[in-house]
């Protein structure tokens, strides 16, 4: 039987962070990852990430029919299935969220998670090439930089947004989030700075680290109600049992973490009973409070071939490849989502919409967009009110979960997106973008559309932004799954550290907050052990 100080399940953003900090402290760690190694150039060359969707580096989770969408259609939430997890396959946008997000966590029953509490951990993680104190760090593992390539449409969008009366912001993670600007990215030396390529790389080769890839955890072994190890297996493996001398730390993400807990009898008693699983610890909140950012894009056709369409084909693709390899610049150095912003549409001054700009037409996974030069400006609801669930589909660990975020089932989310779409269409009509825009593809129609027409457009095109959270929320109430030290309530020696613990999704992309959660978990563990 294998034996380690700690076993970490999931080598994603938080898992790599936790494992690295424990190893740096002299602890032995078994790090288990269901996916493959991060050994393809499509991971490490920034602009190539879009080529990964649908490959073995993704879990392709498909929702149940969504009542809030036109025709009760389903949609996909792709999640990283490789070392580095989401940080190895995402668009590399570095966003922490708003001060009010974390103060809200604190006030909901998570003491020690206010903004002043978490800011030191963001700074500890960060190696920012341009920005420094008081908001940024320069000595951490995670490289954060300005994009080395800036597309002409990005500049045009920023000018148009300012012409529409919106402020420019040079640092979305500083004193204020509101405004439009260029995103900073998790890119270092013009290569993706995933948690695997930064944190984990620093301890690869350390004898304290044992990394197993393409392995699936089939059981969390328990004695007297406490977690003592895991059973896992891979291709052709009958299963291996490993013991944890200290703790088991679950970092599998908002889809897989509740699944693993429920398969091991930790969760809602009624659902476990339906699945024929013996209840080891009743926690009704497992799989509940599931939510995600939802966006409804506005798309336009361009009057000139300036977008990314066709740039990955033929001689153009060869030229871009050579430019990147020889000079570390050009389109392949881009994360594609170079510009965006955070806007208050409800008059409160606190942004409730985030924009991502994409200089090429796109849609939900599996939907082929029109094969023309185009641009998308996608408003996203930052703090959705709609809530859904994650449940087991079967007792087979290899089966995917049954899930639904129940997007747009709360009127407030729809109203926010209506305001966001209206503002987006206004930006597209500004002088700075008129030279590029030939016509509006969707929603289309006259400059002024009534709310009913915009709502129809939203329910037709809305999709998630691949930021699922909340399914094992942190807190002290009856639906909490982990306490404020990330310990699974009533199950000694078991913690959760990933986006599933967020009681509310942060206002923006969730990779940086997940790494912060990993930093905090390691600190909790080491302070408790020391």
Protein backbone atom coordinates (compact mmCIF):
# COMPACT_ATOMS: atom_id res chain seq x y z
CA UNK A 1 0.00 0.00 0.00
CA UNK A 2 1.29 3.46 -0.93
CA UNK A 3 1.59 6.02 1.84
CA UNK A 4 1.96 9.81 1.71
CA UNK A 5 1.50 12.77 4.02
CA UNK A 6 -1.25 14.20 1.79
CA UNK A 7 -3.31 13.02 -1.15
CA UNK A 8 -4.60 15.71 -3.53
CA UNK A 9 -7.35 14.67 -5.94
CA UNK A 10 -7.28 16.81 -9.08
CA UNK A 11 -4.25 18.57 -10.60
CA UNK A 12 -6.13 21.67 -11.70
CA UNK A 13 -5.62 25.30 -10.73
CA UNK A 14 -6.18 24.77 -7.00
CA UNK A 15 -4.76 21.23 -6.87
CA UNK A 16 -1.40 22.22 -8.38
CA UNK A 17 -1.26 25.16 -5.97
CA UNK A 18 -2.01 23.09 -2.88
CA UNK A 19 0.39 20.31 -3.85
CA UNK A 20 3.25 22.73 -4.58
CA UNK A 21 2.93 24.60 -1.30
CA UNK A 22 2.81 21.35 0.69
CA UNK A 23 5.91 20.02 -1.06
CA UNK A 24 7.72 23.31 -0.47
CA UNK A 25 6.95 22.78 3.23
CA UNK A 26 8.59 19.34 3.16
CA UNK A 27 5.45 17.20 2.93
CA UNK A 28 5.06 14.21 0.64
CA UNK A 29 2.13 14.45 -1.77
CA UNK A 30 0.31 12.06 -4.09
CA UNK A 31 -1.30 14.20 -6.80
CA UNK A 32 -3.95 12.38 -8.84
CA UNK A 33 -5.22 13.65 -12.21
CA UNK A 34 -7.87 11.98 -14.34
CA UNK A 35 -6.57 13.66 -17.49
CA UNK A 36 -3.38 13.44 -19.51
CA UNK A 37 -0.13 15.35 -19.12
CA UNK A 38 -0.01 18.92 -20.42
CA UNK A 39 2.43 17.93 -23.14
CA UNK A 40 0.89 19.35 -26.31
CA UNK A 41 1.92 22.67 -27.93
CA UNK A 42 -1.76 23.58 -28.23
CA UNK A 43 -1.78 24.11 -24.46
CA UNK A 44 1.32 26.25 -24.27
CA UNK A 45 0.98 28.48 -27.37
CA UNK A 46 -1.56 31.08 -26.17
CA UNK A 47 -3.81 31.43 -29.24
CA UNK A 48 -4.02 27.68 -29.82
CA UNK A 49 -6.28 26.98 -26.85
CA UNK A 50 -9.42 27.08 -29.01
CA UNK A 51 -8.11 24.01 -30.86
CA UNK A 52 -8.26 21.98 -27.65
CA UNK A 53 -12.05 22.00 -27.21
CA UNK A 54 -13.41 18.56 -27.97
CA UNK A 55 -10.06 16.80 -27.48
CA UNK A 56 -9.04 14.47 -24.68
CA UNK A 57 -7.88 17.50 -22.66
CA UNK A 58 -11.51 18.37 -21.87
CA UNK A 59 -14.40 16.93 -19.98
CA UNK A 60 -17.31 17.81 -22.27
CA UNK A 61 -20.15 18.17 -19.76
CA UNK A 62 -23.59 18.56 -21.37
CA UNK A 63 -26.40 20.01 -19.28
CA UNK A 64 -29.89 18.68 -18.87
CA UNK A 65 -32.56 20.57 -20.89
CA UNK A 66 -32.64 24.15 -19.61
CA UNK A 67 -36.08 25.59 -18.97
CA UNK A 68 -34.72 29.14 -19.21
CA UNK A 69 -33.48 28.68 -22.79
CA UNK A 70 -35.48 28.67 -25.99
CA UNK A 71 -36.65 25.18 -26.86
CA UNK A 72 -35.36 23.83 -23.52
CA UNK A 73 -32.04 23.33 -25.27
CA UNK A 74 -28.93 21.94 -23.58
CA UNK A 75 -25.46 23.44 -23.59
CA UNK A 76 -21.90 22.39 -22.79
CA UNK A 77 -19.59 23.33 -19.94
CA UNK A 78 -16.14 22.15 -21.06
CA UNK A 79 -13.73 21.64 -18.16
CA UNK A 80 -10.01 20.95 -18.18
CA UNK A 81 -9.00 17.29 -18.23
CA UNK A 82 -5.23 17.60 -18.08
CA UNK A 83 -2.51 18.59 -15.65
CA UNK A 84 -3.20 22.23 -14.87
CA UNK A 85 -6.96 21.74 -15.29
CA UNK A 86 -8.77 24.86 -16.40
CA UNK A 87 -5.60 26.92 -16.23
CA UNK A 88 -4.18 24.75 -19.05
CA UNK A 89 -7.12 25.20 -21.42
CA UNK A 90 -8.77 28.53 -20.59
CA UNK A 91 -8.42 31.95 -22.25
CA UNK A 92 -5.81 33.03 -19.67
CA UNK A 93 -7.71 36.17 -18.53
CA UNK A 94 -6.45 37.23 -15.09
CA UNK A 95 -9.36 38.59 -13.04
CA UNK A 96 -9.83 38.38 -9.28
CA UNK A 97 -13.32 39.82 -8.89
CA UNK A 98 -14.56 42.68 -6.74
CA UNK A 99 -13.83 43.65 -3.16
CA UNK A 100 -17.56 43.30 -2.46
CA UNK A 101 -17.49 39.65 -3.59
CA UNK A 102 -15.21 38.56 -0.78
CA UNK A 103 -16.73 40.87 1.82
CA UNK A 104 -20.01 39.22 0.82
CA UNK A 105 -18.55 35.77 1.47
CA UNK A 106 -17.41 36.94 4.90
CA UNK A 107 -20.81 38.37 5.75
CA UNK A 108 -22.57 35.16 4.62
CA UNK A 109 -20.83 33.10 7.28
CA UNK A 110 -17.27 32.71 5.99
CA UNK A 111 -15.13 34.64 8.50
CA UNK A 112 -11.58 35.17 7.30
CA UNK A 113 -12.60 35.43 3.63
CA UNK A 114 -13.15 39.20 3.32
CA UNK A 115 -11.21 41.16 0.72
CA UNK A 116 -8.55 42.26 3.20
CA UNK A 117 -8.10 38.59 4.15
CA UNK A 118 -7.70 37.23 0.61
CA UNK A 119 -5.68 40.06 -0.98
CA UNK A 120 -2.39 38.88 0.60
CA UNK A 121 -2.90 35.45 -1.00
CA UNK A 122 -3.56 36.93 -4.43
CA UNK A 123 -0.35 38.92 -4.05
CA UNK A 124 1.54 35.87 -2.79
CA UNK A 125 0.52 33.89 -5.87
CA UNK A 126 1.27 36.60 -8.41
CA UNK A 127 4.36 37.42 -10.46
CA UNK A 128 3.15 40.52 -12.26
CA UNK A 129 5.48 41.94 -14.89
CA UNK A 130 4.14 45.54 -14.74
CA UNK A 131 2.02 46.21 -11.66
CA UNK A 132 3.10 46.19 -8.03
CA UNK A 133 1.99 47.02 -4.50
CA UNK A 134 -0.42 47.61 -2.92
CA UNK A 135 -2.64 45.43 -5.11
CA UNK A 136 -0.18 43.18 -6.93
CA UNK A 137 2.69 40.82 -6.17
CA UNK A 138 5.91 40.28 -8.09
CA UNK A 139 7.51 37.26 -6.43
CA UNK A 140 4.90 34.50 -6.75
CA UNK A 141 4.70 31.49 -9.03
CA UNK A 142 1.91 32.74 -11.31
CA UNK A 143 3.15 34.86 -14.22
CA UNK A 144 0.79 37.72 -15.10
CA UNK A 145 1.52 39.96 -18.06
CA UNK A 146 0.18 42.28 -20.73
CA UNK A 147 -0.68 40.67 -24.04
CA UNK A 148 2.20 40.85 -26.53
CA UNK A 149 -0.22 41.13 -29.45
CA UNK A 150 -3.03 43.66 -29.65
CA UNK A 151 -5.60 43.35 -32.40
CA UNK A 152 -6.84 46.49 -34.24
CA UNK A 153 -10.44 45.55 -33.35
CA UNK A 154 -9.51 45.65 -29.68
CA UNK A 155 -8.34 49.23 -29.99
CA UNK A 156 -11.47 50.11 -31.97
CA UNK A 157 -13.69 48.58 -29.28
CA UNK A 158 -11.96 50.57 -26.53
CA UNK A 159 -12.35 53.84 -28.44
CA UNK A 160 -16.00 53.05 -29.21
CA UNK A 161 -16.74 52.23 -25.55
CA UNK A 162 -15.24 55.53 -24.46
CA UNK A 163 -17.26 57.33 -27.16
CA UNK A 164 -20.32 55.69 -25.57
CA UNK A 165 -19.36 57.35 -22.28
CA UNK A 166 -17.57 54.48 -20.50
CA UNK A 167 -14.31 55.01 -18.57
CA UNK A 168 -10.96 53.43 -19.43
CA UNK A 169 -9.36 51.20 -16.80
CA UNK A 170 -5.72 50.14 -16.85
CA UNK A 171 -6.04 47.62 -14.00
CA UNK A 172 -9.23 45.63 -13.42
CA UNK A 173 -7.67 44.07 -10.30
CA UNK A 174 -6.70 47.31 -8.61
CA UNK A 175 -8.60 50.03 -6.80
CA UNK A 176 -11.69 49.78 -9.01
CA UNK A 177 -12.98 47.25 -11.50
CA UNK A 178 -15.32 49.47 -13.54
CA UNK A 179 -14.31 50.45 -17.06
CA UNK A 180 -12.97 49.02 -20.30
CA UNK A 181 -9.41 48.08 -21.17
CA UNK A 182 -6.92 45.38 -22.04
CA UNK A 183 -7.00 42.30 -19.85
CA UNK A 184 -3.85 41.11 -18.15
CA UNK A 185 -3.23 37.42 -18.80
CA UNK A 186 -1.63 34.39 -17.18
CA UNK A 187 1.12 34.34 -19.79
CA UNK A 188 4.86 34.34 -19.13
CA UNK A 189 7.64 34.46 -21.75
CA UNK A 190 4.85 34.42 -24.38
CA UNK A 191 3.71 30.97 -23.17
CA UNK A 192 0.67 29.96 -21.14
CA UNK A 193 1.39 30.29 -17.43
CA UNK A 194 -0.90 27.54 -16.15
CA UNK A 195 -0.77 26.33 -12.57
CA UNK A 196 1.07 23.30 -13.96
CA UNK A 197 3.65 25.35 -15.88
CA UNK A 198 4.28 27.67 -12.93
CA UNK A 199 3.49 26.14 -9.54
CA UNK A 200 3.88 22.44 -10.29
CA UNK A 201 6.87 22.91 -12.59
CA UNK A 202 8.82 24.30 -9.64
CA UNK A 203 8.57 20.96 -7.78
CA UNK A 204 8.62 18.48 -10.67
CA UNK A 205 11.49 16.13 -9.94
CA UNK A 206 11.19 16.62 -6.19
CA UNK A 207 11.05 13.14 -4.62
CA UNK A 208 8.25 14.35 -2.32
CA UNK A 209 5.90 14.62 -5.32
CA UNK A 210 4.21 11.62 -6.89
CA UNK A 211 2.08 12.62 -9.87
CA UNK A 212 -0.26 10.07 -11.43
CA UNK A 213 -2.10 11.03 -14.61
CA UNK A 214 -5.00 9.33 -16.40
CA UNK A 215 -6.13 7.88 -13.08
CA UNK A 216 -9.66 7.94 -11.70
CA UNK A 217 -10.45 7.93 -7.99
CA UNK A 218 -13.00 5.22 -7.30
CA UNK A 219 -13.18 5.57 -3.52
CA UNK A 220 -12.22 7.77 -0.62
CA UNK A 221 -11.37 5.21 2.03
CA UNK A 222 -12.61 6.00 5.51
CA UNK A 223 -12.13 4.67 9.02
CA UNK A 224 -14.32 5.68 11.95
CA UNK A 225 -15.90 8.35 9.75
CA UNK A 226 -12.58 10.00 8.84
CA UNK A 227 -10.85 10.03 5.44
CA UNK A 228 -7.67 7.95 5.50
CA UNK A 229 -6.84 7.49 1.83
CA UNK A 230 -8.12 6.72 -1.66
CA UNK A 231 -8.47 3.91 -4.12
CA UNK A 232 -7.62 4.83 -7.69
CA UNK A 233 -6.92 3.18 -11.00
CA UNK A 234 -5.94 3.81 -14.59
CA UNK A 235 -5.99 2.00 -17.89
CA UNK A 236 -5.55 -1.70 -17.25
CA UNK A 237 -5.06 -1.12 -13.53
CA UNK A 238 -7.04 -3.22 -11.06
CA UNK A 239 -6.92 -0.36 -8.57
CA UNK A 240 -4.35 0.92 -6.11
CA UNK A 241 -4.94 1.89 -2.51
CA UNK A 242 -3.04 4.84 -1.09
CA UNK A 243 -3.03 6.06 2.51
CA UNK A 244 -2.79 9.65 3.70
CA UNK A 245 -0.97 10.09 6.97
CA UNK A 246 -2.49 13.57 7.36
CA UNK A 247 -5.36 14.54 5.01
CA UNK A 248 -7.11 13.98 1.69
CA UNK A 249 -7.75 17.20 -0.24
CA UNK A 250 -10.36 17.17 -2.98
CA UNK A 251 -9.68 19.65 -5.84
CA UNK A 252 -11.66 18.14 -8.70
CA UNK A 253 -13.83 21.18 -9.53
CA UNK A 254 -17.49 22.16 -9.27
CA UNK A 255 -18.65 19.22 -11.41
CA UNK A 256 -16.48 16.35 -10.18
CA UNK A 257 -15.98 17.24 -6.52
CA UNK A 258 -19.67 16.80 -5.55
CA UNK A 259 -19.76 13.66 -7.68
CA UNK A 260 -16.85 12.10 -5.78
CA UNK A 261 -18.38 13.06 -2.44
CA UNK A 262 -21.77 11.60 -3.30
CA UNK A 263 -20.28 8.38 -4.69
CA UNK A 264 -18.65 7.99 -1.29
CA UNK A 265 -21.86 8.49 0.67
CA UNK A 266 -21.38 12.17 1.52
CA UNK A 267 -24.33 14.28 0.38
CA UNK A 268 -28.13 14.58 0.39
CA UNK A 269 -29.63 11.49 1.99
CA UNK A 270 -32.64 11.35 -0.34
CA UNK A 271 -30.55 11.44 -3.51
CA UNK A 272 -28.04 8.94 -2.17
CA UNK A 273 -30.93 6.66 -1.25
CA UNK A 274 -32.33 6.92 -4.78
CA UNK A 275 -28.93 5.82 -6.11
CA UNK A 276 -28.62 2.93 -3.63
CA UNK A 277 -25.61 4.49 -1.87
CA UNK A 278 -25.17 4.09 1.87
CA UNK A 279 -25.12 7.46 3.63
CA UNK A 280 -21.85 8.01 5.48
CA UNK A 281 -22.41 11.68 6.20
CA UNK A 282 -25.59 13.55 5.35
CA UNK A 283 -24.77 16.94 3.85
CA UNK A 284 -27.79 18.27 1.93
CA UNK A 285 -25.75 21.04 0.30
CA UNK A 286 -23.58 18.73 -1.79
CA UNK A 287 -24.47 19.40 -5.41
CA UNK A 288 -26.77 22.33 -4.57
CA UNK A 289 -26.14 26.09 -5.05
CA UNK A 290 -24.64 25.26 -8.47
CA UNK A 291 -24.36 28.33 -10.70
CA UNK A 292 -22.33 29.81 -13.51
CA UNK A 293 -21.85 33.02 -15.42
CA UNK A 294 -24.18 33.28 -18.41
CA UNK A 295 -23.63 35.44 -21.50
CA UNK A 296 -25.62 36.43 -24.58
CA UNK A 297 -23.39 37.62 -27.37
CA UNK A 298 -24.01 40.33 -29.93
CA UNK A 299 -22.31 39.52 -33.24
CA UNK A 300 -21.51 41.60 -36.30
CA UNK A 301 -20.16 40.95 -39.78
CA UNK A 302 -17.04 42.93 -40.63
CA UNK A 303 -16.69 45.03 -43.76
CA UNK A 304 -13.01 44.15 -44.13
CA UNK A 305 -10.94 41.01 -43.42
CA UNK A 306 -9.30 42.16 -40.20
CA UNK A 307 -10.52 39.49 -37.75
CA UNK A 308 -9.04 36.12 -36.85
CA UNK A 309 -11.22 34.25 -39.37
CA UNK A 310 -9.05 32.24 -41.80
CA UNK A 311 -5.81 33.06 -40.01
CA UNK A 312 -5.32 29.42 -38.98
CA UNK A 313 -5.31 28.08 -42.54
CA UNK A 314 -2.82 27.66 -45.36
CA UNK A 315 0.09 30.04 -45.85
CA UNK A 316 -1.28 32.45 -43.24
CA UNK A 317 -1.07 29.76 -40.58
CA UNK A 318 2.51 28.92 -41.61
CA UNK A 319 3.52 32.57 -41.47
CA UNK A 320 1.99 33.04 -38.01
CA UNK A 321 3.70 29.88 -36.77
CA UNK A 322 7.11 31.03 -37.97
CA UNK A 323 6.60 34.50 -36.52
CA UNK A 324 5.78 32.99 -33.13
CA UNK A 325 8.59 30.43 -33.16
CA UNK A 326 11.28 32.83 -34.37
CA UNK A 327 10.30 36.11 -32.75
CA UNK A 328 7.74 35.19 -30.01
CA UNK A 329 5.19 37.65 -31.33
CA UNK A 330 2.18 37.87 -33.63
CA UNK A 331 -1.32 36.43 -33.52
CA UNK A 332 -0.25 33.20 -31.81
CA UNK A 333 0.96 35.26 -28.84
CA UNK A 334 -2.60 36.50 -28.32
CA UNK A 335 -5.14 34.98 -25.95
CA UNK A 336 -7.84 36.11 -28.47
CA UNK A 337 -9.91 37.71 -25.68
CA UNK A 338 -7.59 40.70 -25.37
CA UNK A 339 -10.05 43.43 -24.40
CA UNK A 340 -13.22 43.74 -22.40
CA UNK A 341 -14.64 45.54 -19.44
CA UNK A 342 -16.86 45.70 -16.38
CA UNK A 343 -19.90 47.95 -16.50
CA UNK A 344 -22.65 48.93 -14.07
CA UNK A 345 -25.96 48.85 -15.95
CA UNK A 346 -28.28 49.17 -12.95
CA UNK A 347 -27.14 52.57 -11.71
CA UNK A 348 -25.49 51.31 -8.52
CA UNK A 349 -21.92 51.92 -9.70
CA UNK A 350 -20.99 48.30 -8.99
CA UNK A 351 -20.38 46.46 -12.30
CA UNK A 352 -22.98 43.80 -13.02
CA UNK A 353 -21.89 43.03 -16.61
CA UNK A 354 -18.54 41.82 -17.98
CA UNK A 355 -17.60 42.08 -21.64
CA UNK A 356 -15.36 39.71 -23.56
CA UNK A 357 -14.47 40.76 -27.10
CA UNK A 358 -13.58 38.16 -29.71
CA UNK A 359 -12.42 39.22 -33.21
CA UNK A 360 -14.03 36.18 -34.82
CA UNK A 361 -17.55 34.75 -34.85
CA UNK A 362 -18.18 32.05 -32.27
CA UNK A 363 -21.02 30.20 -30.59
CA UNK A 364 -21.68 27.40 -28.16
CA UNK A 365 -19.60 24.25 -28.37
CA UNK A 366 -20.50 22.21 -31.43
CA UNK A 367 -22.34 25.05 -33.19
CA UNK A 368 -20.57 26.14 -36.38
CA UNK A 369 -20.72 29.94 -36.73
CA UNK A 370 -21.10 31.64 -40.13
CA UNK A 371 -17.88 31.29 -42.11
CA UNK A 372 -17.35 35.01 -42.60
CA UNK A 373 -15.24 37.74 -41.04
CA UNK A 374 -16.95 38.84 -37.87
CA UNK A 375 -16.65 40.03 -34.29
CA UNK A 376 -18.43 39.16 -31.07
CA UNK A 377 -18.97 41.34 -28.02
CA UNK A 378 -20.38 39.18 -25.26
CA UNK A 379 -22.05 40.68 -22.16
CA UNK A 380 -22.06 38.34 -19.18
CA UNK A 381 -24.09 38.51 -15.94
CA UNK A 382 -21.51 38.84 -13.18
CA UNK A 383 -23.63 37.78 -10.21
CA UNK A 384 -26.44 35.50 -11.43
CA UNK A 385 -29.32 34.77 -9.09
CA UNK A 386 -30.36 31.53 -10.83
CA UNK A 387 -29.35 28.35 -9.00
CA UNK A 388 -29.23 24.74 -10.12
CA UNK A 389 -27.83 21.37 -9.09
CA UNK A 390 -25.31 18.61 -9.72
CA UNK A 391 -26.51 15.04 -9.19
CA UNK A 392 -25.26 11.54 -9.90
CA UNK A 393 -26.33 9.90 -13.13
CA UNK A 394 -25.28 6.46 -11.87
CA UNK A 395 -22.95 4.84 -9.35
CA UNK A 396 -20.28 4.29 -12.03
CA UNK A 397 -17.32 6.65 -11.34
CA UNK A 398 -16.75 6.88 -15.10
CA UNK A 399 -20.22 8.29 -15.81
CA UNK A 400 -20.72 12.03 -16.11
CA UNK A 401 -22.94 13.89 -13.69
CA UNK A 402 -26.50 15.02 -14.29
CA UNK A 403 -26.52 18.80 -13.92
CA UNK A 404 -28.29 22.06 -14.62
CA UNK A 405 -27.37 25.60 -13.54
CA UNK A 406 -30.98 26.54 -14.47
CA UNK A 407 -29.72 29.65 -16.23
CA UNK A 408 -32.09 32.60 -16.72
CA UNK A 409 -34.76 31.18 -14.42
CA UNK A 410 -34.55 34.34 -12.30
CA UNK A 411 -35.98 37.50 -13.86
CA UNK A 412 -33.17 39.67 -12.48
CA UNK A 413 -30.63 37.77 -14.60
CA UNK A 414 -32.70 38.33 -17.74
CA UNK A 415 -33.16 42.02 -16.95
CA UNK A 416 -29.43 42.46 -16.44
CA UNK A 417 -28.65 40.82 -19.77
CA UNK A 418 -31.25 42.95 -21.56
CA UNK A 419 -29.46 46.06 -20.30
CA UNK A 420 -26.12 44.53 -21.29
CA UNK A 421 -27.26 43.73 -24.82
CA UNK A 422 -28.65 47.24 -25.27
CA UNK A 423 -25.36 48.80 -24.18
CA UNK A 424 -23.39 46.42 -26.39
CA UNK A 425 -25.40 47.39 -29.46
CA UNK A 426 -24.82 51.06 -28.59
CA UNK A 427 -21.04 50.51 -28.52
CA UNK A 428 -21.10 48.79 -31.91
CA UNK A 429 -22.82 51.89 -33.38
CA UNK A 430 -20.09 54.29 -32.28
CA UNK A 431 -17.84 56.04 -34.79
CA UNK A 432 -14.71 54.04 -33.89
CA UNK A 433 -16.34 50.75 -34.99
CA UNK A 434 -18.37 52.04 -37.94
CA UNK A 435 -15.36 51.62 -40.24
CA UNK A 436 -15.23 47.92 -39.42
CA UNK A 437 -18.88 46.86 -39.00
CA UNK A 438 -20.87 45.90 -42.10
CA UNK A 439 -24.03 44.71 -40.34
CA UNK A 440 -25.32 43.31 -37.07
CA UNK A 441 -25.92 39.58 -37.38
CA UNK A 442 -27.62 38.97 -34.05
CA UNK A 443 -29.92 40.11 -32.62
CA UNK A 444 -30.21 42.20 -35.81
CA UNK A 445 -33.04 44.51 -36.73
CA UNK A 446 -33.41 48.25 -36.13
CA UNK A 447 -31.21 50.24 -33.75
CA UNK A 448 -33.90 50.19 -31.09
CA UNK A 449 -35.43 46.83 -30.14
CA UNK A 450 -38.04 46.31 -27.46
CA UNK A 451 -37.25 44.24 -24.38
CA UNK A 452 -39.32 41.26 -25.58
CA UNK A 453 -37.28 40.99 -28.79
CA UNK A 454 -34.00 41.26 -26.90
CA UNK A 455 -35.14 38.65 -24.37
CA UNK A 456 -35.96 36.28 -27.23
CA UNK A 457 -32.44 36.79 -28.58
CA UNK A 458 -30.94 36.17 -25.13
CA UNK A 459 -32.82 32.92 -24.58
CA UNK A 460 -31.84 31.81 -28.10
CA UNK A 461 -28.07 32.36 -27.88
CA UNK A 462 -27.28 32.40 -24.15
CA UNK A 463 -24.57 30.05 -22.95
CA UNK A 464 -22.41 29.71 -19.89
CA UNK A 465 -18.93 31.18 -19.69
CA UNK A 466 -17.46 27.93 -18.29
CA UNK A 467 -17.15 29.22 -14.71
CA UNK A 468 -19.18 26.65 -12.72
CA UNK A 469 -19.04 27.16 -8.95
CA UNK A 470 -20.84 26.69 -5.68
CA UNK A 471 -21.75 23.00 -5.60
CA UNK A 472 -19.95 22.39 -2.26
CA UNK A 473 -20.30 25.81 -0.77
CA UNK A 474 -18.37 27.11 2.18
CA UNK A 475 -20.20 28.49 5.20
CA UNK A 476 -21.79 27.83 8.55
CA UNK A 477 -25.45 27.39 7.59
CA UNK A 478 -27.41 24.17 7.08
CA UNK A 479 -26.50 23.95 3.38
CA UNK A 480 -22.77 24.44 3.88
CA UNK A 481 -20.52 21.57 2.80
CA UNK A 482 -17.18 22.89 4.05
CA UNK A 483 -16.38 25.19 6.95
CA UNK A 484 -14.32 28.39 6.56
CA UNK A 485 -11.11 26.32 6.83
CA UNK A 486 -12.35 24.22 3.88
CA UNK A 487 -12.87 21.10 6.03
CA UNK A 488 -15.76 18.89 4.96
CA UNK A 489 -18.28 19.26 7.76
CA UNK A 490 -18.46 16.13 9.90
CA UNK A 491 -15.76 14.25 7.95
CA UNK A 492 -12.36 14.61 9.63
CA UNK A 493 -9.17 14.71 7.52
CA UNK A 494 -11.05 15.67 4.33
CA UNK A 495 -10.99 19.12 2.71
CA UNK A 496 -12.23 20.66 -0.52
CA UNK A 497 -10.26 23.37 -2.32
CA UNK A 498 -11.64 24.44 -5.69
CA UNK A 499 -14.35 26.64 -7.21
CA UNK A 500 -17.08 24.40 -5.77
CA UNK A 501 -16.59 26.02 -2.34
CA UNK A 502 -17.50 29.53 -3.55
CA UNK A 503 -20.80 30.50 -1.88
CA UNK A 504 -21.24 33.10 -4.65
CA UNK A 505 -19.39 33.27 -7.95
CA UNK A 506 -16.82 36.04 -8.12
CA UNK A 507 -17.40 38.97 -10.47
CA UNK A 508 -15.23 37.80 -13.35
CA UNK A 509 -13.15 34.89 -14.57
CA UNK A 510 -12.64 32.27 -11.87
CA UNK A 511 -9.11 30.92 -12.44
CA UNK A 512 -7.28 33.44 -10.25
CA UNK A 513 -9.78 33.01 -7.36
CA UNK A 514 -9.37 29.21 -7.61
CA UNK A 515 -5.61 29.56 -7.25
CA UNK A 516 -6.15 31.88 -4.28
CA UNK A 517 -8.38 29.20 -2.70
CA UNK A 518 -5.55 26.70 -3.20
CA UNK A 519 -3.12 29.06 -1.50
CA UNK A 520 -5.45 29.50 1.44
CA UNK A 521 -6.07 25.76 1.76
CA UNK A 522 -2.36 25.01 1.91
CA UNK A 523 -1.97 27.69 4.56
CA UNK A 524 -4.82 26.25 6.65
CA UNK A 525 -3.33 22.76 6.39
CA UNK A 526 0.21 23.78 7.26
CA UNK A 527 -0.78 26.02 10.14
CA UNK A 528 -2.91 23.19 11.52
CA UNK A 529 -0.09 20.71 11.08
CA UNK A 530 2.56 22.98 12.47
